Amino acid sequence: MKINQRIAQLLSLLFHPLLIPTYGFLLLMNSDFYFAMLSFEAKKLLLLIIFMSTFLLPLISLGILSFNKRFNLKMDKSTDRVIPLLFTAVYFYMGYFYLGKLQVYPIYRIFMLSTILIIILLLLISMKWKISAHMAGIGGLIGAVLALSFRLGMNSSFLLIGLISTAGLIGSSRLLLNKHNPIQIYAGFFLGFAINYLVIIFL
């Protein structure tokens, strides 16, 4: 059981919600979609902005918040997540702003915009109820890939199968670690999926 929990903890860290945008942009930039046709320098700068705004800066803020004794770094209660999510939304918007300064395809900013919307909804829900941010992250990525596949008429079956399998592993890990119940897992997944799918399919 301990081994299973260690694997679950490792999966939770590897697929932390703050890392999902970086993974998502890496997938988009190395996919068969037309907007992957960027120079290496452009990809490097784009990824740097995403990594800084969606992972590094929020992580630093969490580190600073941990010095406050009233802040629970494990965020076991839903309300513990409100302030970190607020900071995260601000940093994500900074990333969205700086993406607008680059000569890149609009889809990258749209993907970022829909992700900000997911964070805002997670923040509002967390004021009253605990919802899985892990599943919202991977669900949003699946929704984005599916929407792009439909819009561009491309077959992304293998990628989607891989992502759905990953979502299953993440959800199982969160349940094994007693971080969420099944309803919170499904709610997080469908929130992320629905927002990214609807935004990308219509914009």
N, C-alpha and C. Protein backbone atom coordinates (compact mmCIF):
# COMPACT_ATOMS: atom_id res chain seq x y z
N MET A 1 0.84 -1.21 0.00
CA MET A 1 0.00 0.00 0.00
C MET A 1 0.86 1.25 0.00
N LYS A 2 1.97 1.21 0.76
CA LYS A 2 2.86 2.35 0.82
C LYS A 2 3.48 2.65 -0.54
N ILE A 3 3.83 1.55 -1.27
CA ILE A 3 4.41 1.72 -2.61
C ILE A 3 3.40 2.40 -3.53
N ASN A 4 2.13 1.95 -3.44
CA ASN A 4 1.09 2.56 -4.27
C ASN A 4 0.91 4.04 -3.95
N GLN A 5 1.00 4.35 -2.68
CA GLN A 5 0.86 5.76 -2.27
C GLN A 5 2.02 6.60 -2.76
N ARG A 6 3.22 6.01 -2.77
CA ARG A 6 4.38 6.74 -3.27
C ARG A 6 4.23 7.03 -4.76
N ILE A 7 3.73 6.03 -5.48
CA ILE A 7 3.49 6.23 -6.92
C ILE A 7 2.43 7.30 -7.13
N ALA A 8 1.38 7.25 -6.31
CA ALA A 8 0.31 8.25 -6.40
C ALA A 8 0.85 9.65 -6.12
N GLN A 9 1.71 9.76 -5.12
CA GLN A 9 2.30 11.06 -4.79
C GLN A 9 3.19 11.55 -5.93
N LEU A 10 3.94 10.63 -6.54
CA LEU A 10 4.80 11.00 -7.66
C LEU A 10 3.97 11.50 -8.84
N LEU A 11 2.87 10.80 -9.14
CA LEU A 11 2.00 11.20 -10.24
C LEU A 11 1.36 12.56 -9.96
N SER A 12 0.99 12.78 -8.69
CA SER A 12 0.39 14.07 -8.31
C SER A 12 1.37 15.21 -8.49
N LEU A 13 2.65 14.94 -8.23
CA LEU A 13 3.68 15.97 -8.41
C LEU A 13 3.99 16.19 -9.88
N LEU A 14 4.15 15.09 -10.63
CA LEU A 14 4.49 15.20 -12.06
C LEU A 14 3.39 15.90 -12.86
N PHE A 15 2.15 15.68 -12.43
CA PHE A 15 1.02 16.28 -13.15
C PHE A 15 0.30 17.30 -12.27
N HIS A 16 1.11 18.06 -11.53
CA HIS A 16 0.56 19.15 -10.73
C HIS A 16 -0.13 20.15 -11.65
N PRO A 17 -1.24 20.73 -11.21
CA PRO A 17 -1.97 21.69 -12.06
C PRO A 17 -1.11 22.82 -12.61
N LEU A 18 -0.09 23.23 -11.86
CA LEU A 18 0.77 24.32 -12.33
C LEU A 18 1.69 23.88 -13.47
N LEU A 19 1.89 22.57 -13.62
CA LEU A 19 2.75 22.07 -14.70
C LEU A 19 1.97 21.75 -15.97
N ILE A 20 0.66 21.56 -15.84
CA ILE A 20 -0.15 21.17 -16.99
C ILE A 20 -0.09 22.18 -18.15
N PRO A 21 -0.14 23.51 -17.89
CA PRO A 21 -0.01 24.45 -19.02
C PRO A 21 1.31 24.29 -19.78
N THR A 22 2.41 24.06 -19.06
CA THR A 22 3.69 23.87 -19.73
C THR A 22 3.65 22.61 -20.60
N TYR A 23 3.11 21.53 -20.06
CA TYR A 23 2.96 20.30 -20.84
C TYR A 23 2.07 20.55 -22.06
N GLY A 24 0.98 21.30 -21.83
CA GLY A 24 0.05 21.58 -22.91
C GLY A 24 0.69 22.36 -24.05
N PHE A 25 1.44 23.38 -23.70
CA PHE A 25 2.10 24.18 -24.72
C PHE A 25 3.17 23.37 -25.43
N LEU A 26 3.87 22.51 -24.69
CA LEU A 26 4.86 21.62 -25.33
C LEU A 26 4.19 20.71 -26.35
N LEU A 27 3.03 20.17 -25.98
CA LEU A 27 2.30 19.31 -26.91
C LEU A 27 1.86 20.08 -28.15
N LEU A 28 1.31 21.27 -27.95
CA LEU A 28 0.84 22.07 -29.08
C LEU A 28 1.98 22.47 -30.01
N MET A 29 3.13 22.81 -29.42
CA MET A 29 4.26 23.25 -30.22
C MET A 29 4.97 22.12 -30.94
N ASN A 30 4.68 20.90 -30.55
CA ASN A 30 5.31 19.74 -31.19
C ASN A 30 4.28 18.78 -31.78
N SER A 31 3.13 19.34 -32.12
CA SER A 31 2.04 18.54 -32.69
C SER A 31 2.05 18.65 -34.21
N ASP A 32 1.05 18.00 -34.82
CA ASP A 32 0.89 18.09 -36.28
C ASP A 32 -0.01 19.25 -36.68
N PHE A 33 -0.46 20.02 -35.70
CA PHE A 33 -1.30 21.18 -36.02
C PHE A 33 -0.45 22.25 -36.70
N TYR A 34 -1.06 23.04 -37.56
CA TYR A 34 -0.32 24.03 -38.35
C TYR A 34 0.40 25.06 -37.49
N PHE A 35 -0.17 25.38 -36.31
CA PHE A 35 0.42 26.43 -35.48
C PHE A 35 1.67 25.95 -34.74
N ALA A 36 2.06 24.69 -34.97
CA ALA A 36 3.32 24.20 -34.39
C ALA A 36 4.51 24.66 -35.22
N MET A 37 4.22 25.25 -36.38
CA MET A 37 5.30 25.70 -37.28
C MET A 37 5.87 27.04 -36.81
N LEU A 38 6.63 26.97 -35.76
CA LEU A 38 7.31 28.15 -35.22
C LEU A 38 8.81 27.88 -35.21
N SER A 39 9.58 28.94 -35.25
CA SER A 39 11.03 28.77 -35.18
C SER A 39 11.41 28.28 -33.78
N PHE A 40 12.59 27.69 -33.68
CA PHE A 40 13.06 27.19 -32.39
C PHE A 40 13.15 28.32 -31.38
N GLU A 41 13.61 29.49 -31.81
CA GLU A 41 13.74 30.64 -30.91
C GLU A 41 12.39 31.11 -30.40
N ALA A 42 11.40 31.10 -31.30
CA ALA A 42 10.05 31.51 -30.90
C ALA A 42 9.46 30.53 -29.89
N LYS A 43 9.67 29.24 -30.14
CA LYS A 43 9.18 28.21 -29.21
C LYS A 43 9.84 28.34 -27.85
N LYS A 44 11.13 28.61 -27.86
CA LYS A 44 11.88 28.72 -26.62
C LYS A 44 11.37 29.91 -25.79
N LEU A 45 11.16 31.04 -26.46
CA LEU A 45 10.66 32.23 -25.75
C LEU A 45 9.24 32.02 -25.26
N LEU A 46 8.42 31.41 -26.09
CA LEU A 46 7.03 31.12 -25.73
C LEU A 46 6.97 30.21 -24.51
N LEU A 47 7.78 29.17 -24.51
CA LEU A 47 7.79 28.24 -23.40
C LEU A 47 8.33 28.87 -22.13
N LEU A 48 9.29 29.77 -22.27
CA LEU A 48 9.84 30.46 -21.11
C LEU A 48 8.77 31.32 -20.44
N ILE A 49 7.99 32.04 -21.24
CA ILE A 49 6.91 32.88 -20.70
C ILE A 49 5.88 32.00 -19.97
N ILE A 50 5.52 30.89 -20.59
CA ILE A 50 4.53 29.99 -19.99
C ILE A 50 5.05 29.39 -18.70
N PHE A 51 6.28 28.91 -18.71
CA PHE A 51 6.85 28.27 -17.53
C PHE A 51 6.97 29.27 -16.37
N MET A 52 7.38 30.48 -16.68
CA MET A 52 7.54 31.51 -15.64
C MET A 52 6.19 31.91 -15.05
N SER A 53 5.21 32.16 -15.91
CA SER A 53 3.94 32.71 -15.45
C SER A 53 2.99 31.66 -14.89
N THR A 54 3.10 30.42 -15.35
CA THR A 54 2.15 29.41 -14.90
C THR A 54 2.72 28.42 -13.89
N PHE A 55 4.04 28.43 -13.70
CA PHE A 55 4.63 27.52 -12.74
C PHE A 55 5.55 28.21 -11.74
N LEU A 56 6.59 28.86 -12.23
CA LEU A 56 7.62 29.39 -11.34
C LEU A 56 7.09 30.48 -10.40
N LEU A 57 6.42 31.48 -10.96
CA LEU A 57 5.91 32.57 -10.12
C LEU A 57 4.84 32.10 -9.12
N PRO A 58 3.86 31.28 -9.55
CA PRO A 58 2.91 30.75 -8.55
C PRO A 58 3.59 29.91 -7.48
N LEU A 59 4.62 29.15 -7.87
CA LEU A 59 5.35 28.32 -6.91
C LEU A 59 6.07 29.18 -5.88
N ILE A 60 6.67 30.27 -6.33
CA ILE A 60 7.35 31.19 -5.42
C ILE A 60 6.35 31.80 -4.45
N SER A 61 5.17 32.15 -4.95
CA SER A 61 4.13 32.72 -4.08
C SER A 61 3.69 31.72 -3.02
N LEU A 62 3.58 30.44 -3.40
CA LEU A 62 3.23 29.41 -2.43
C LEU A 62 4.30 29.30 -1.34
N GLY A 63 5.55 29.41 -1.78
CA GLY A 63 6.66 29.38 -0.83
C GLY A 63 6.59 30.52 0.17
N ILE A 64 6.24 31.71 -0.33
CA ILE A 64 6.12 32.88 0.56
C ILE A 64 4.94 32.71 1.50
N LEU A 65 3.82 32.20 0.97
CA LEU A 65 2.63 32.00 1.80
C LEU A 65 2.88 30.98 2.91
N SER A 66 3.76 30.02 2.64
CA SER A 66 4.03 28.96 3.63
C SER A 66 4.66 29.50 4.91
N PHE A 67 5.23 30.72 4.85
CA PHE A 67 5.81 31.33 6.05
C PHE A 67 4.73 31.81 7.02
N ASN A 68 3.51 31.95 6.50
CA ASN A 68 2.38 32.34 7.36
C ASN A 68 1.82 31.10 8.04
N LYS A 69 1.83 31.09 9.36
CA LYS A 69 1.41 29.91 10.12
C LYS A 69 -0.06 29.58 9.90
N ARG A 70 -0.85 30.57 9.50
CA ARG A 70 -2.27 30.32 9.28
C ARG A 70 -2.56 29.68 7.93
N PHE A 71 -1.52 29.66 7.09
CA PHE A 71 -1.71 29.07 5.76
C PHE A 71 -1.30 27.60 5.77
N ASN A 72 -2.21 26.73 5.33
CA ASN A 72 -1.94 25.29 5.28
C ASN A 72 -1.44 24.94 3.88
N LEU A 73 -0.16 24.61 3.77
CA LEU A 73 0.46 24.33 2.47
C LEU A 73 -0.17 23.11 1.80
N LYS A 74 -0.69 22.19 2.60
CA LYS A 74 -1.34 20.99 2.03
C LYS A 74 -2.69 21.34 1.41
N MET A 75 -3.25 22.47 1.82
CA MET A 75 -4.53 22.96 1.30
C MET A 75 -5.62 21.89 1.37
N ASP A 76 -5.76 21.31 2.55
CA ASP A 76 -6.75 20.25 2.74
C ASP A 76 -8.17 20.79 2.64
N LYS A 77 -8.38 22.04 3.10
CA LYS A 77 -9.71 22.65 3.00
C LYS A 77 -9.81 23.42 1.69
N SER A 78 -11.01 23.50 1.15
CA SER A 78 -11.21 24.20 -0.12
C SER A 78 -10.84 25.68 -0.02
N THR A 79 -11.13 26.29 1.14
CA THR A 79 -10.85 27.72 1.31
C THR A 79 -9.35 28.02 1.36
N ASP A 80 -8.54 27.00 1.69
CA ASP A 80 -7.09 27.19 1.69
C ASP A 80 -6.56 27.49 0.29
N ARG A 81 -7.36 27.18 -0.71
CA ARG A 81 -6.90 27.30 -2.10
C ARG A 81 -7.23 28.65 -2.72
N VAL A 82 -8.07 29.42 -2.03
CA VAL A 82 -8.57 30.66 -2.63
C VAL A 82 -7.44 31.65 -2.93
N ILE A 83 -6.61 31.96 -1.92
CA ILE A 83 -5.53 32.93 -2.12
C ILE A 83 -4.51 32.45 -3.14
N PRO A 84 -4.04 31.18 -3.07
CA PRO A 84 -3.12 30.69 -4.10
C PRO A 84 -3.71 30.77 -5.51
N LEU A 85 -5.00 30.45 -5.63
CA LEU A 85 -5.65 30.52 -6.94
C LEU A 85 -5.75 31.96 -7.44
N LEU A 86 -5.95 32.89 -6.50
CA LEU A 86 -6.01 34.30 -6.88
C LEU A 86 -4.67 34.77 -7.43
N PHE A 87 -3.59 34.43 -6.73
CA PHE A 87 -2.25 34.76 -7.22
C PHE A 87 -2.00 34.10 -8.58
N THR A 88 -2.39 32.84 -8.69
CA THR A 88 -2.18 32.09 -9.92
C THR A 88 -2.90 32.74 -11.10
N ALA A 89 -4.13 33.19 -10.87
CA ALA A 89 -4.89 33.84 -11.94
C ALA A 89 -4.18 35.10 -12.42
N VAL A 90 -3.62 35.86 -11.48
CA VAL A 90 -2.89 37.09 -11.84
C VAL A 90 -1.65 36.76 -12.67
N TYR A 91 -0.90 35.75 -12.25
CA TYR A 91 0.31 35.37 -12.99
C TYR A 91 -0.03 34.81 -14.37
N PHE A 92 -1.11 34.05 -14.45
CA PHE A 92 -1.52 33.52 -15.75
C PHE A 92 -1.91 34.67 -16.68
N TYR A 93 -2.57 35.68 -16.12
CA TYR A 93 -2.93 36.83 -16.96
C TYR A 93 -1.68 37.56 -17.44
N MET A 94 -0.67 37.64 -16.60
CA MET A 94 0.60 38.24 -17.02
C MET A 94 1.17 37.47 -18.21
N GLY A 95 1.10 36.14 -18.14
CA GLY A 95 1.56 35.32 -19.25
C GLY A 95 0.75 35.59 -20.51
N TYR A 96 -0.57 35.71 -20.34
CA TYR A 96 -1.45 36.01 -21.46
C TYR A 96 -1.09 37.36 -22.08
N PHE A 97 -0.80 38.33 -21.23
CA PHE A 97 -0.43 39.68 -21.69
C PHE A 97 0.86 39.65 -22.52
N TYR A 98 1.87 38.95 -22.01
CA TYR A 98 3.15 38.92 -22.70
C TYR A 98 3.10 38.07 -23.97
N LEU A 99 2.20 37.10 -24.01
CA LEU A 99 2.04 36.34 -25.25
C LEU A 99 1.54 37.25 -26.37
N GLY A 100 0.77 38.27 -25.97
CA GLY A 100 0.27 39.22 -26.96
C GLY A 100 1.37 40.06 -27.58
N LYS A 101 2.53 40.10 -26.95
CA LYS A 101 3.66 40.86 -27.47
C LYS A 101 4.46 40.06 -28.50
N LEU A 102 4.19 38.75 -28.56
CA LEU A 102 4.93 37.89 -29.48
C LEU A 102 4.17 37.71 -30.79
N GLN A 103 4.92 37.47 -31.85
CA GLN A 103 4.31 37.18 -33.14
C GLN A 103 4.06 35.68 -33.24
N VAL A 104 3.01 35.22 -32.56
CA VAL A 104 2.68 33.81 -32.58
C VAL A 104 1.22 33.64 -32.98
N TYR A 105 0.85 32.42 -33.30
CA TYR A 105 -0.54 32.15 -33.70
C TYR A 105 -1.49 32.45 -32.54
N PRO A 106 -2.70 32.97 -32.85
CA PRO A 106 -3.66 33.36 -31.80
C PRO A 106 -4.08 32.21 -30.89
N ILE A 107 -3.99 30.97 -31.36
CA ILE A 107 -4.45 29.84 -30.57
C ILE A 107 -3.74 29.75 -29.23
N TYR A 108 -2.49 30.19 -29.18
CA TYR A 108 -1.75 30.12 -27.92
C TYR A 108 -2.34 31.06 -26.87
N ARG A 109 -2.76 32.22 -27.31
CA ARG A 109 -3.40 33.16 -26.37
C ARG A 109 -4.80 32.68 -25.99
N ILE A 110 -5.51 32.07 -26.95
CA ILE A 110 -6.85 31.55 -26.67
C ILE A 110 -6.76 30.43 -25.63
N PHE A 111 -5.77 29.56 -25.80
CA PHE A 111 -5.57 28.47 -24.85
C PHE A 111 -5.27 29.03 -23.46
N MET A 112 -4.47 30.06 -23.42
CA MET A 112 -4.12 30.69 -22.14
C MET A 112 -5.35 31.36 -21.52
N LEU A 113 -6.15 32.01 -22.35
CA LEU A 113 -7.35 32.70 -21.87
C LEU A 113 -8.35 31.72 -21.26
N SER A 114 -8.56 30.60 -21.93
CA SER A 114 -9.49 29.60 -21.41
C SER A 114 -8.98 29.00 -20.11
N THR A 115 -7.66 28.88 -19.99
CA THR A 115 -7.07 28.36 -18.76
C THR A 115 -7.29 29.33 -17.60
N ILE A 116 -7.18 30.63 -17.88
CA ILE A 116 -7.45 31.64 -16.85
C ILE A 116 -8.90 31.55 -16.38
N LEU A 117 -9.80 31.32 -17.32
CA LEU A 117 -11.22 31.19 -16.98
C LEU A 117 -11.44 29.98 -16.07
N ILE A 118 -10.75 28.89 -16.33
CA ILE A 118 -10.84 27.70 -15.48
C ILE A 118 -10.39 28.03 -14.07
N ILE A 119 -9.27 28.75 -13.95
CA ILE A 119 -8.74 29.10 -12.63
C ILE A 119 -9.72 29.97 -11.86
N ILE A 120 -10.32 30.93 -12.54
CA ILE A 120 -11.30 31.82 -11.88
C ILE A 120 -12.49 31.01 -11.36
N LEU A 121 -12.97 30.06 -12.16
CA LEU A 121 -14.09 29.23 -11.74
C LEU A 121 -13.68 28.31 -10.58
N LEU A 122 -12.46 27.79 -10.63
CA LEU A 122 -11.96 26.97 -9.51
C LEU A 122 -11.91 27.80 -8.23
N LEU A 123 -11.49 29.06 -8.37
CA LEU A 123 -11.39 29.96 -7.22
C LEU A 123 -12.78 30.18 -6.61
N LEU A 124 -13.76 30.47 -7.46
CA LEU A 124 -15.12 30.74 -6.98
C LEU A 124 -15.73 29.50 -6.32
N ILE A 125 -15.54 28.34 -6.94
CA ILE A 125 -16.08 27.10 -6.39
C ILE A 125 -15.40 26.76 -5.07
N SER A 126 -14.09 27.01 -4.99
CA SER A 126 -13.32 26.67 -3.79
C SER A 126 -13.74 27.47 -2.56
N MET A 127 -14.44 28.55 -2.76
CA MET A 127 -14.93 29.31 -1.61
C MET A 127 -15.99 28.53 -0.83
N LYS A 128 -16.64 27.58 -1.51
CA LYS A 128 -17.71 26.81 -0.88
C LYS A 128 -17.48 25.30 -0.90
N TRP A 129 -16.67 24.82 -1.85
CA TRP A 129 -16.60 23.37 -2.07
C TRP A 129 -15.24 22.99 -2.63
N LYS A 130 -14.76 21.83 -2.25
CA LYS A 130 -13.45 21.35 -2.70
C LYS A 130 -13.60 20.63 -4.04
N ILE A 131 -12.87 21.10 -5.05
CA ILE A 131 -12.93 20.51 -6.38
C ILE A 131 -11.50 20.21 -6.82
N SER A 132 -11.33 19.20 -7.64
CA SER A 132 -9.98 18.77 -8.03
C SER A 132 -9.37 19.67 -9.10
N ALA A 133 -8.34 20.41 -8.70
CA ALA A 133 -7.62 21.24 -9.67
C ALA A 133 -6.76 20.38 -10.59
N HIS A 134 -6.25 19.26 -10.06
CA HIS A 134 -5.48 18.33 -10.90
C HIS A 134 -6.32 17.87 -12.10
N MET A 135 -7.55 17.46 -11.80
CA MET A 135 -8.40 16.94 -12.87
C MET A 135 -8.89 18.05 -13.80
N ALA A 136 -9.05 19.26 -13.25
CA ALA A 136 -9.43 20.39 -14.11
C ALA A 136 -8.31 20.67 -15.12
N GLY A 137 -7.06 20.53 -14.67
CA GLY A 137 -5.93 20.77 -15.55
C GLY A 137 -5.87 19.77 -16.69
N ILE A 138 -5.91 18.48 -16.36
CA ILE A 138 -5.80 17.46 -17.42
C ILE A 138 -7.07 17.42 -18.26
N GLY A 139 -8.22 17.68 -17.64
CA GLY A 139 -9.47 17.74 -18.39
C GLY A 139 -9.46 18.87 -19.40
N GLY A 140 -8.90 20.02 -18.98
CA GLY A 140 -8.80 21.16 -19.89
C GLY A 140 -7.91 20.85 -21.08
N LEU A 141 -6.82 20.13 -20.83
CA LEU A 141 -5.91 19.78 -21.92
C LEU A 141 -6.58 18.84 -22.91
N ILE A 142 -7.33 17.87 -22.41
CA ILE A 142 -8.06 16.95 -23.28
C ILE A 142 -9.12 17.71 -24.09
N GLY A 143 -9.82 18.62 -23.43
CA GLY A 143 -10.83 19.42 -24.13
C GLY A 143 -10.24 20.27 -25.22
N ALA A 144 -9.05 20.83 -24.98
CA ALA A 144 -8.38 21.66 -25.97
C ALA A 144 -7.97 20.84 -27.19
N VAL A 145 -7.37 19.68 -26.95
CA VAL A 145 -6.92 18.83 -28.06
C VAL A 145 -8.10 18.34 -28.88
N LEU A 146 -9.18 17.94 -28.20
CA LEU A 146 -10.37 17.46 -28.91
C LEU A 146 -10.99 18.56 -29.76
N ALA A 147 -11.10 19.76 -29.19
CA ALA A 147 -11.68 20.90 -29.92
C ALA A 147 -10.83 21.25 -31.15
N LEU A 148 -9.52 21.27 -30.98
CA LEU A 148 -8.63 21.57 -32.10
C LEU A 148 -8.72 20.50 -33.18
N SER A 149 -8.86 19.25 -32.77
CA SER A 149 -8.98 18.15 -33.73
C SER A 149 -10.23 18.30 -34.58
N PHE A 150 -11.35 18.67 -33.94
CA PHE A 150 -12.60 18.88 -34.66
C PHE A 150 -12.51 20.09 -35.59
N ARG A 151 -11.97 21.18 -35.07
CA ARG A 151 -11.90 22.42 -35.85
C ARG A 151 -11.01 22.27 -37.08
N LEU A 152 -9.91 21.56 -36.93
CA LEU A 152 -8.93 21.45 -38.02
C LEU A 152 -9.09 20.15 -38.81
N GLY A 153 -10.05 19.32 -38.42
CA GLY A 153 -10.29 18.08 -39.15
C GLY A 153 -9.11 17.12 -39.10
N MET A 154 -8.47 17.03 -37.93
CA MET A 154 -7.30 16.16 -37.79
C MET A 154 -7.60 15.01 -36.83
N ASN A 155 -6.94 13.88 -37.07
CA ASN A 155 -7.11 12.71 -36.23
C ASN A 155 -6.05 12.72 -35.12
N SER A 156 -6.50 12.94 -33.89
CA SER A 156 -5.58 12.96 -32.76
C SER A 156 -5.90 11.83 -31.78
N SER A 157 -6.35 10.71 -32.34
CA SER A 157 -6.81 9.59 -31.51
C SER A 157 -5.75 9.10 -30.54
N PHE A 158 -4.52 8.89 -31.03
CA PHE A 158 -3.47 8.35 -30.17
C PHE A 158 -3.11 9.32 -29.04
N LEU A 159 -3.06 10.61 -29.37
CA LEU A 159 -2.76 11.61 -28.36
C LEU A 159 -3.86 11.66 -27.31
N LEU A 160 -5.12 11.60 -27.76
CA LEU A 160 -6.25 11.64 -26.85
C LEU A 160 -6.30 10.40 -25.95
N ILE A 161 -5.99 9.25 -26.52
CA ILE A 161 -5.96 8.02 -25.72
C ILE A 161 -4.91 8.13 -24.63
N GLY A 162 -3.74 8.68 -24.99
CA GLY A 162 -2.67 8.87 -24.02
C GLY A 162 -3.07 9.83 -22.91
N LEU A 163 -3.73 10.93 -23.29
CA LEU A 163 -4.15 11.93 -22.31
C LEU A 163 -5.26 11.41 -21.40
N ILE A 164 -6.20 10.67 -21.98
CA ILE A 164 -7.30 10.11 -21.18
C ILE A 164 -6.76 9.08 -20.19
N SER A 165 -5.81 8.27 -20.65
CA SER A 165 -5.18 7.29 -19.75
C SER A 165 -4.45 8.00 -18.60
N THR A 166 -3.79 9.10 -18.95
CA THR A 166 -3.10 9.90 -17.93
C THR A 166 -4.09 10.48 -16.93
N ALA A 167 -5.23 10.94 -17.45
CA ALA A 167 -6.28 11.49 -16.57
C ALA A 167 -6.77 10.42 -15.60
N GLY A 168 -6.91 9.19 -16.09
CA GLY A 168 -7.34 8.10 -15.22
C GLY A 168 -6.34 7.84 -14.11
N LEU A 169 -5.06 7.89 -14.44
CA LEU A 169 -4.00 7.68 -13.44
C LEU A 169 -3.99 8.80 -12.40
N ILE A 170 -4.16 10.04 -12.88
CA ILE A 170 -4.16 11.18 -11.96
C ILE A 170 -5.36 11.10 -11.01
N GLY A 171 -6.54 10.82 -11.58
CA GLY A 171 -7.74 10.73 -10.75
C GLY A 171 -7.62 9.63 -9.71
N SER A 172 -7.08 8.47 -10.12
CA SER A 172 -6.90 7.36 -9.20
C SER A 172 -5.91 7.73 -8.09
N SER A 173 -4.89 8.47 -8.46
CA SER A 173 -3.88 8.90 -7.48
C SER A 173 -4.48 9.82 -6.43
N ARG A 174 -5.30 10.76 -6.87
CA ARG A 174 -5.92 11.70 -5.93
C ARG A 174 -6.89 10.98 -4.98
N LEU A 175 -7.57 9.95 -5.50
CA LEU A 175 -8.46 9.16 -4.65
C LEU A 175 -7.67 8.33 -3.66
N LEU A 176 -6.59 7.72 -4.11
CA LEU A 176 -5.76 6.88 -3.24
C LEU A 176 -5.14 7.68 -2.11
N LEU A 177 -4.81 8.95 -2.41
CA LEU A 177 -4.21 9.81 -1.39
C LEU A 177 -5.26 10.49 -0.50
N ASN A 178 -6.54 10.16 -0.77
CA ASN A 178 -7.66 10.74 0.00
C ASN A 178 -7.71 12.26 -0.09
N LYS A 179 -7.30 12.79 -1.23
CA LYS A 179 -7.36 14.24 -1.43
C LYS A 179 -8.74 14.69 -1.91
N HIS A 180 -9.45 13.77 -2.55
CA HIS A 180 -10.77 14.10 -3.10
C HIS A 180 -11.65 12.87 -3.07
N ASN A 181 -12.95 13.11 -3.19
CA ASN A 181 -13.89 12.01 -3.40
C ASN A 181 -14.23 11.93 -4.90
N PRO A 182 -14.88 10.87 -5.36
CA PRO A 182 -15.15 10.71 -6.80
C PRO A 182 -15.89 11.89 -7.43
N ILE A 183 -16.85 12.47 -6.71
CA ILE A 183 -17.62 13.59 -7.28
C ILE A 183 -16.71 14.78 -7.55
N GLN A 184 -15.80 15.07 -6.63
CA GLN A 184 -14.86 16.18 -6.80
C GLN A 184 -13.90 15.93 -7.96
N ILE A 185 -13.54 14.66 -8.16
CA ILE A 185 -12.67 14.27 -9.27
C ILE A 185 -13.38 14.51 -10.60
N TYR A 186 -14.60 13.98 -10.71
CA TYR A 186 -15.37 14.13 -11.96
C TYR A 186 -15.71 15.59 -12.23
N ALA A 187 -16.07 16.31 -11.18
CA ALA A 187 -16.43 17.73 -11.34
C ALA A 187 -15.25 18.52 -11.88
N GLY A 188 -14.06 18.29 -11.32
CA GLY A 188 -12.87 18.98 -11.79
C GLY A 188 -12.58 18.68 -13.24
N PHE A 189 -12.67 17.39 -13.60
CA PHE A 189 -12.38 17.00 -14.99
C PHE A 189 -13.34 17.67 -15.96
N PHE A 190 -14.63 17.57 -15.68
CA PHE A 190 -15.62 18.11 -16.61
C PHE A 190 -15.62 19.63 -16.66
N LEU A 191 -15.25 20.29 -15.57
CA LEU A 191 -15.12 21.74 -15.59
C LEU A 191 -14.01 22.15 -16.55
N GLY A 192 -12.82 21.56 -16.36
CA GLY A 192 -11.70 21.89 -17.24
C GLY A 192 -11.98 21.53 -18.68
N PHE A 193 -12.54 20.34 -18.89
CA PHE A 193 -12.85 19.89 -20.25
C PHE A 193 -13.83 20.82 -20.95
N ALA A 194 -14.93 21.12 -20.26
CA ALA A 194 -16.00 21.92 -20.88
C ALA A 194 -15.53 23.33 -21.23
N ILE A 195 -14.80 23.98 -20.32
CA ILE A 195 -14.37 25.35 -20.57
C ILE A 195 -13.40 25.40 -21.75
N ASN A 196 -12.37 24.59 -21.74
CA ASN A 196 -11.39 24.63 -22.83
C ASN A 196 -12.01 24.21 -24.15
N TYR A 197 -12.85 23.19 -24.12
CA TYR A 197 -13.49 22.73 -25.36
C TYR A 197 -14.37 23.83 -25.96
N LEU A 198 -15.23 24.41 -25.14
CA LEU A 198 -16.19 25.41 -25.63
C LEU A 198 -15.48 26.68 -26.11
N VAL A 199 -14.49 27.15 -25.34
CA VAL A 199 -13.77 28.37 -25.73
C VAL A 199 -13.04 28.16 -27.05
N ILE A 200 -12.33 27.04 -27.18
CA ILE A 200 -11.50 26.82 -28.38
C ILE A 200 -12.37 26.48 -29.59
N ILE A 201 -13.44 25.73 -29.39
CA ILE A 201 -14.29 25.34 -30.52
C ILE A 201 -15.03 26.54 -31.11
N PHE A 202 -15.35 27.53 -30.25
CA PHE A 202 -16.11 28.68 -30.73
C PHE A 202 -15.27 29.91 -31.04
N LEU A 203 -14.09 30.03 -30.44
CA LEU A 203 -13.22 31.18 -30.75
C LEU A 203 -12.21 30.85 -31.83
